[in-house]
Amino acid sequence: MLGSIGGMALRVTLIHSNDVHSRFDRMPKIAGYVERLRRERRGEAVLLLDGGDHIDRAHPLTEATAGGANVRALKASGYDFITIGNNEGLSLLPKALDALYRGAPFDVLVANLFDRSGRRPAWARPFAVRTVGGRAIGFIGVTVPFFYYALLGWRVEPPEVALAELIPRLRPDVDALVLLSHLGLFADRELAKRFPALDVILGGHTHHRLPEGERVGRTTIVQAGRGGAEVGRVDLVFTSTGLVVRARTVAVDKEAPHPAVAAAIREAEAASAANLERPVARLARPLGVSYVAESPLANVLARAIRRATEADVAFVTSGLLLHGLSAGVVPYAAV
């Protein structure tokens, strides 16, 4: 029977979300799927992980709470491990990330993020080891090393540097080694070739959908698209002869929402309602957006950027703007 120990197979299931991008409507369904799977598995280990870009400040609730609503949902969902993506690391200041993650009930795994002095942030760990049924599973987290991190006071080293140090250190003491990666599919493929000791790469960043996973050498790569419509599911089956990895994606839109997660989101909405409605501007005329011609709203933003940065020239592409602004009072929720 799967799930047992003592010479018989042991199954550990990893459920992996990536690039949810503040789709609060799907967060309760992801948690609902995990809850149902745990009931069906009757006590077998089911671990929940997120591969970054859970936060997206394009959503008013995320913007109003500086990511706090997202972390409330992560907590209520019972996530075990997460890493950060560029939407967390580049759209929030270091102090805001500290406020979000310090004391969180899940582990934030980021092995390649440091401050300018070379110290890892207090809320981040490079790796974690979870023992289930006598089997040790190692988890390492890495995020994409964009140059722009330096502008915020971070130093992000190439993930290969962190992995070259951590994999030889962990591999002798674990039965499976999992990388939680916000690097993108193309980088994950290269890492799988370079570090064949990795059993699984739970990926993100490039929004690829791999319905049955992708095998590169002995490593299985999983990525589940964008927006939380699907999650990755990886069964690690430990047998007397070795490890078997089975991967696929699972749609969650028809799942019953998890009540605690839905309640956490409603509470965040209620707490931020006044902030979202506060006026930030009054417009005498509308500021429209065009994707085929010059845009009034983009021009206003470009002038503001030029003043703030004291630059000679500033550009704002209209594609960055989802909609224009109407004449009259503009609430925070609209910008």
Protein backbone atom coordinates (compact mmCIF):
# COMPACT_ATOMS: atom_id res chain seq x y z
CA MET A 1 0.00 0.00 0.00
CA LEU A 2 1.36 3.43 -0.91
CA GLY A 3 2.04 5.67 2.02
CA SER A 4 3.34 2.91 4.27
CA ILE A 5 6.87 2.21 5.36
CA GLY A 6 8.84 -0.82 6.47
CA GLY A 7 9.91 -2.22 3.09
CA MET A 8 6.85 -1.04 1.17
CA ALA A 9 6.49 2.03 -1.05
CA LEU A 10 6.16 5.46 0.49
CA ARG A 11 4.47 8.24 -1.49
CA VAL A 12 5.00 11.93 -0.81
CA THR A 13 3.02 14.37 -2.97
CA LEU A 14 4.21 17.88 -3.79
CA ILE A 15 1.59 20.40 -4.93
CA HIS A 16 3.20 23.39 -6.60
CA SER A 17 1.72 26.74 -7.58
CA ASN A 18 3.68 29.27 -9.60
CA ASP A 19 3.03 32.72 -11.03
CA VAL A 20 -0.40 33.08 -9.43
CA HIS A 21 -0.07 36.85 -9.94
CA SER A 22 -2.63 37.83 -7.30
CA ARG A 23 -5.52 35.79 -8.70
CA PHE A 24 -7.36 35.86 -5.39
CA ASP A 25 -10.32 34.08 -6.95
CA ARG A 26 -8.18 30.97 -7.48
CA MET A 27 -6.27 30.89 -4.21
CA PRO A 28 -9.17 29.30 -2.25
CA LYS A 29 -9.56 26.71 -5.02
CA ILE A 30 -5.89 25.74 -4.88
CA ALA A 31 -6.21 25.25 -1.13
CA GLY A 32 -9.50 23.40 -1.64
CA TYR A 33 -7.80 20.94 -3.98
CA VAL A 34 -5.00 20.32 -1.49
CA GLU A 35 -7.51 19.76 1.32
CA ARG A 36 -9.46 17.27 -0.80
CA LEU A 37 -6.31 15.43 -1.82
CA ARG A 38 -5.20 15.12 1.80
CA ARG A 39 -8.57 13.64 2.73
CA GLU A 40 -8.34 11.14 -0.11
CA ARG A 41 -4.76 10.21 0.74
CA ARG A 42 -5.78 9.36 4.33
CA GLY A 43 -2.81 10.71 6.16
CA GLU A 44 -0.17 10.51 3.43
CA ALA A 45 2.15 13.48 3.23
CA VAL A 46 1.00 16.25 0.87
CA LEU A 47 3.27 19.30 0.85
CA LEU A 48 2.27 22.65 -0.66
CA LEU A 49 4.84 24.94 -2.31
CA ASP A 50 4.81 28.20 -4.28
CA GLY A 51 7.42 29.12 -6.88
CA GLY A 52 7.18 32.92 -6.75
CA ASP A 53 5.22 35.77 -8.33
CA HIS A 54 2.31 34.96 -6.07
CA ILE A 55 2.26 38.72 -5.49
CA ASP A 56 1.36 41.14 -8.27
CA ARG A 57 0.81 44.80 -7.49
CA ALA A 58 -1.38 45.18 -10.58
CA HIS A 59 -4.18 43.87 -8.34
CA PRO A 60 -5.67 46.63 -6.14
CA LEU A 61 -5.85 44.39 -3.06
CA THR A 62 -2.17 43.52 -3.30
CA GLU A 63 -1.30 47.18 -3.87
CA ALA A 64 -3.40 48.39 -0.95
CA THR A 65 -1.90 45.84 1.47
CA ALA A 66 1.68 45.80 0.08
CA GLY A 67 1.31 42.06 -0.41
CA GLY A 68 -0.24 41.44 2.99
CA ALA A 69 -3.42 39.96 1.52
CA ASN A 70 -1.32 37.45 -0.45
CA VAL A 71 0.55 36.35 2.66
CA ARG A 72 -2.74 35.97 4.54
CA ALA A 73 -3.89 33.61 1.80
CA LEU A 74 -0.60 31.69 1.86
CA LYS A 75 -0.88 31.24 5.63
CA ALA A 76 -4.51 30.13 5.52
CA SER A 77 -3.72 27.70 2.69
CA GLY A 78 -1.04 25.96 4.76
CA TYR A 79 1.92 26.43 2.43
CA ASP A 80 5.04 24.62 3.56
CA PHE A 81 7.68 26.30 1.38
CA ILE A 82 7.77 29.26 -0.98
CA THR A 83 10.39 31.17 -2.91
CA ILE A 84 10.15 34.73 -4.19
CA GLY A 85 9.86 35.87 -7.78
CA ASN A 86 10.75 39.17 -9.37
CA ASN A 87 7.28 40.51 -8.53
CA GLU A 88 8.01 40.09 -4.83
CA GLY A 89 11.67 41.05 -4.90
CA LEU A 90 11.55 44.01 -7.29
CA SER A 91 8.15 45.58 -6.60
CA LEU A 92 8.52 45.67 -2.80
CA LEU A 93 11.25 47.38 -0.81
CA PRO A 94 13.40 45.27 1.54
CA LYS A 95 11.56 46.62 4.60
CA ALA A 96 8.23 45.60 3.09
CA LEU A 97 9.50 42.07 2.40
CA ASP A 98 10.76 41.85 5.97
CA ALA A 99 7.34 42.90 7.27
CA LEU A 100 5.63 40.29 5.08
CA TYR A 101 7.76 37.26 5.76
CA ARG A 102 9.34 37.65 9.17
CA GLY A 103 7.65 35.14 11.47
CA ALA A 104 5.68 33.49 8.64
CA PRO A 105 4.52 29.90 9.32
CA PHE A 106 6.06 28.72 6.05
CA ASP A 107 9.72 28.65 5.03
CA VAL A 108 10.87 31.22 2.46
CA LEU A 109 13.67 29.49 0.55
CA VAL A 110 16.01 31.82 -1.38
CA ALA A 111 19.60 30.61 -1.53
CA ASN A 112 20.97 33.33 -3.82
CA LEU A 113 19.63 36.58 -2.26
CA PHE A 114 21.80 38.76 0.01
CA ASP A 115 22.04 42.35 1.12
CA ARG A 116 24.96 44.54 0.10
CA SER A 117 27.03 43.31 3.05
CA GLY A 118 26.57 39.70 1.97
CA ARG A 119 24.07 38.75 4.66
CA ARG A 120 20.98 36.74 3.85
CA PRO A 121 17.72 38.44 4.95
CA ALA A 122 16.45 37.22 8.31
CA TRP A 123 13.25 35.83 6.77
CA ALA A 124 15.01 33.70 4.14
CA ARG A 125 16.61 30.27 4.32
CA PRO A 126 18.76 28.71 1.60
CA PHE A 127 17.28 25.23 2.04
CA ALA A 128 15.15 23.03 4.24
CA VAL A 129 14.94 19.29 4.87
CA ARG A 130 11.64 17.56 5.60
CA THR A 131 11.60 13.95 6.85
CA VAL A 132 8.52 11.90 6.02
CA GLY A 133 8.18 8.22 6.92
CA GLY A 134 11.90 7.92 7.46
CA ARG A 135 12.73 9.53 4.08
CA ALA A 136 14.52 12.88 3.99
CA ILE A 137 13.60 15.34 1.24
CA GLY A 138 15.76 18.40 0.64
CA PHE A 139 14.34 21.64 -0.75
CA ILE A 140 16.41 24.53 -2.16
CA GLY A 141 15.00 27.84 -3.42
CA VAL A 142 16.49 30.23 -6.01
CA THR A 143 15.20 33.33 -7.74
CA VAL A 144 16.04 35.07 -11.01
CA PRO A 145 19.14 37.31 -10.67
CA PHE A 146 17.94 40.49 -12.35
CA PHE A 147 20.39 43.39 -12.32
CA TYR A 148 17.73 45.72 -10.92
CA TYR A 149 17.95 44.10 -7.46
CA ALA A 150 21.13 46.13 -6.90
CA LEU A 151 19.09 49.34 -7.10
CA LEU A 152 17.10 48.20 -4.05
CA GLY A 153 20.12 47.21 -2.01
CA TRP A 154 20.15 43.48 -2.79
CA ARG A 155 22.86 41.29 -4.22
CA VAL A 156 21.52 38.30 -6.14
CA GLU A 157 24.21 35.84 -7.13
CA PRO A 158 23.89 33.44 -10.07
CA PRO A 159 21.88 30.41 -8.96
CA GLU A 160 24.64 28.09 -10.18
CA VAL A 161 26.94 29.47 -7.48
CA ALA A 162 24.51 28.66 -4.67
CA LEU A 163 23.65 25.24 -6.09
CA ALA A 164 27.29 24.26 -6.58
CA GLU A 165 27.77 24.79 -2.85
CA LEU A 166 24.49 23.39 -1.53
CA ILE A 167 23.91 20.28 -3.66
CA PRO A 168 27.09 18.43 -2.62
CA ARG A 169 26.34 19.40 0.97
CA LEU A 170 22.76 18.12 0.96
CA ARG A 171 22.72 15.23 -1.48
CA PRO A 172 24.49 12.62 0.71
CA ASP A 173 21.94 13.10 3.49
CA VAL A 174 18.64 13.18 1.58
CA ASP A 175 16.62 10.61 -0.35
CA ALA A 176 15.27 13.21 -2.80
CA LEU A 177 16.39 16.70 -3.74
CA VAL A 178 13.92 19.32 -5.00
CA LEU A 179 14.70 22.76 -6.41
CA LEU A 180 12.06 25.49 -6.08
CA SER A 181 13.04 27.75 -8.97
CA HIS A 182 11.86 31.13 -10.19
CA LEU A 183 14.30 31.16 -13.10
CA GLY A 184 12.23 30.06 -16.10
CA LEU A 185 12.05 26.89 -18.13
CA PHE A 186 15.13 27.54 -20.26
CA ALA A 187 17.33 28.13 -17.22
CA ASP A 188 15.81 25.11 -15.45
CA ARG A 189 16.74 22.88 -18.38
CA GLU A 190 20.35 24.03 -18.15
CA LEU A 191 20.41 23.47 -14.39
CA ALA A 192 19.05 19.95 -14.84
CA LYS A 193 21.94 19.19 -17.19
CA ARG A 194 24.55 20.77 -14.94
CA PHE A 195 23.23 19.34 -11.66
CA PRO A 196 21.89 15.82 -12.31
CA ALA A 197 21.69 15.24 -8.56
CA LEU A 198 18.43 17.25 -8.62
CA ASP A 199 15.44 14.90 -8.74
CA VAL A 200 12.78 17.57 -9.33
CA ILE A 201 12.71 21.22 -10.38
CA LEU A 202 9.46 23.01 -9.49
CA GLY A 203 9.69 25.96 -11.87
CA GLY A 204 8.10 29.28 -12.64
CA HIS A 205 8.70 32.74 -14.13
CA THR A 206 8.22 31.94 -17.84
CA HIS A 207 4.59 30.75 -17.44
CA HIS A 208 5.13 27.48 -19.28
CA ARG A 209 2.61 24.70 -18.86
CA LEU A 210 4.05 21.18 -18.72
CA PRO A 211 1.03 18.85 -18.42
CA GLU A 212 3.13 15.74 -17.76
CA GLY A 213 6.33 17.41 -16.65
CA GLU A 214 9.49 17.39 -18.71
CA ARG A 215 12.38 15.03 -18.22
CA VAL A 216 15.93 16.33 -18.67
CA GLY A 217 18.40 13.58 -17.90
CA ARG A 218 17.28 12.18 -14.55
CA THR A 219 15.58 15.42 -13.46
CA THR A 220 11.83 16.09 -13.77
CA ILE A 221 10.82 19.72 -14.41
CA VAL A 222 7.30 20.89 -13.57
CA GLN A 223 5.66 24.24 -14.36
CA ALA A 224 1.94 25.03 -14.24
CA GLY A 225 1.33 28.06 -16.44
CA ARG A 226 0.10 31.35 -15.02
CA GLY A 227 -2.69 32.64 -12.81
CA GLY A 228 -3.34 29.60 -10.63
CA ALA A 229 -5.75 27.86 -13.02
CA GLU A 230 -3.60 24.77 -12.61
CA VAL A 231 -1.09 23.48 -10.11
CA GLY A 232 1.76 21.06 -10.57
CA ARG A 233 1.49 17.73 -8.81
CA VAL A 234 4.55 15.54 -8.26
CA ASP A 235 4.35 12.15 -6.59
CA LEU A 236 7.65 11.05 -5.08
CA VAL A 237 7.39 7.28 -4.68
CA PHE A 238 10.15 5.77 -2.59
CA THR A 239 10.59 2.04 -3.13
CA SER A 240 13.15 -0.54 -2.06
CA THR A 241 14.92 -0.06 -5.40
CA GLY A 242 14.92 3.73 -5.60
CA LEU A 243 12.83 6.82 -6.30
CA VAL A 244 10.05 7.05 -8.89
CA VAL A 245 8.86 10.53 -9.90
CA ARG A 246 5.43 11.04 -11.46
CA ALA A 247 4.39 14.54 -12.56
CA ARG A 248 1.35 16.24 -14.07
CA THR A 249 -0.67 19.44 -13.85
CA VAL A 250 -4.12 19.61 -12.27
CA ALA A 251 -6.89 22.13 -13.04
CA VAL A 252 -8.45 23.65 -9.91
CA ASP A 253 -11.27 25.88 -11.24
CA LYS A 254 -13.94 23.29 -10.37
CA GLU A 255 -12.64 22.70 -6.84
CA ALA A 256 -14.68 23.79 -3.82
CA PRO A 257 -13.05 26.91 -2.33
CA HIS A 258 -11.30 26.44 0.99
CA PRO A 259 -13.43 28.42 3.50
CA ALA A 260 -10.52 29.62 5.64
CA VAL A 261 -8.66 31.01 2.63
CA ALA A 262 -11.78 32.71 1.27
CA ALA A 263 -12.38 34.23 4.72
CA ALA A 264 -8.78 35.49 4.93
CA ILE A 265 -9.16 37.25 1.60
CA ARG A 266 -12.50 38.81 2.61
CA GLU A 267 -10.91 40.07 5.83
CA ALA A 268 -8.07 41.66 3.85
CA GLU A 269 -10.59 43.29 1.50
CA ALA A 270 -12.56 44.72 4.40
CA ALA A 271 -9.45 46.02 6.14
CA SER A 272 -8.17 47.74 2.99
CA ALA A 273 -11.49 49.13 1.73
CA ALA A 274 -10.93 52.64 3.10
CA ASN A 275 -7.41 52.77 1.68
CA LEU A 276 -8.62 51.72 -1.76
CA GLU A 277 -11.30 54.40 -1.82
CA ARG A 278 -9.13 57.33 -0.72
CA PRO A 279 -8.85 60.01 -3.44
CA VAL A 280 -5.43 60.49 -5.02
CA ALA A 281 -6.25 62.95 -7.80
CA ARG A 282 -9.00 64.99 -9.43
CA LEU A 283 -8.99 65.10 -13.23
CA ALA A 284 -10.60 67.85 -15.27
CA ARG A 285 -10.65 65.56 -18.28
CA PRO A 286 -10.15 61.82 -18.85
CA LEU A 287 -6.71 60.39 -19.51
CA GLY A 288 -7.06 57.66 -22.08
CA VAL A 289 -4.84 54.81 -23.23
CA SER A 290 -4.24 53.84 -26.83
CA TYR A 291 -2.23 50.85 -28.00
CA VAL A 292 -1.83 52.19 -31.56
CA ALA A 293 -1.13 55.89 -30.94
CA GLU A 294 0.23 58.34 -28.38
CA SER A 295 -1.49 57.94 -25.01
CA PRO A 296 -2.38 60.87 -22.73
CA LEU A 297 -1.99 58.77 -19.57
CA ALA A 298 1.37 57.40 -20.66
CA ASN A 299 2.55 60.96 -21.35
CA VAL A 300 1.56 62.09 -17.84
CA LEU A 301 3.42 59.17 -16.29
CA ALA A 302 6.50 59.76 -18.44
CA ARG A 303 6.65 63.43 -17.36
CA ALA A 304 6.34 62.39 -13.70
CA ILE A 305 9.13 59.84 -14.07
CA ARG A 306 11.37 62.38 -15.77
CA ARG A 307 10.85 64.89 -12.94
CA ALA A 308 11.37 62.30 -10.22
CA THR A 309 14.56 60.90 -11.74
CA GLU A 310 15.88 64.19 -13.16
CA ALA A 311 16.40 62.35 -16.44
CA ASP A 312 16.57 64.00 -19.84
CA VAL A 313 14.10 61.58 -21.39
CA ALA A 314 11.53 59.12 -20.00
CA PHE A 315 9.50 56.48 -21.80
CA VAL A 316 6.30 54.70 -20.72
CA THR A 317 4.89 52.15 -23.12
CA SER A 318 1.12 52.09 -23.37
CA GLY A 319 1.23 48.30 -23.03
CA LEU A 320 2.05 48.75 -19.34
CA LEU A 321 -1.34 50.41 -18.77
CA LEU A 322 -4.44 48.27 -18.42
CA HIS A 323 -6.98 51.09 -18.73
CA GLY A 324 -7.35 54.86 -18.76
CA LEU A 325 -8.65 57.15 -16.02
CA SER A 326 -12.05 58.87 -16.06
CA ALA A 327 -12.59 62.57 -15.33
CA GLY A 328 -13.36 63.50 -11.73
CA VAL A 329 -12.06 62.07 -8.47
CA VAL A 330 -9.62 59.16 -8.98
CA PRO A 331 -9.59 56.65 -6.11
CA TYR A 332 -6.45 54.71 -5.13
CA ALA A 333 -8.07 51.52 -6.41
CA ALA A 334 -8.09 52.90 -9.97
CA VAL A 335 -4.39 53.61 -10.27
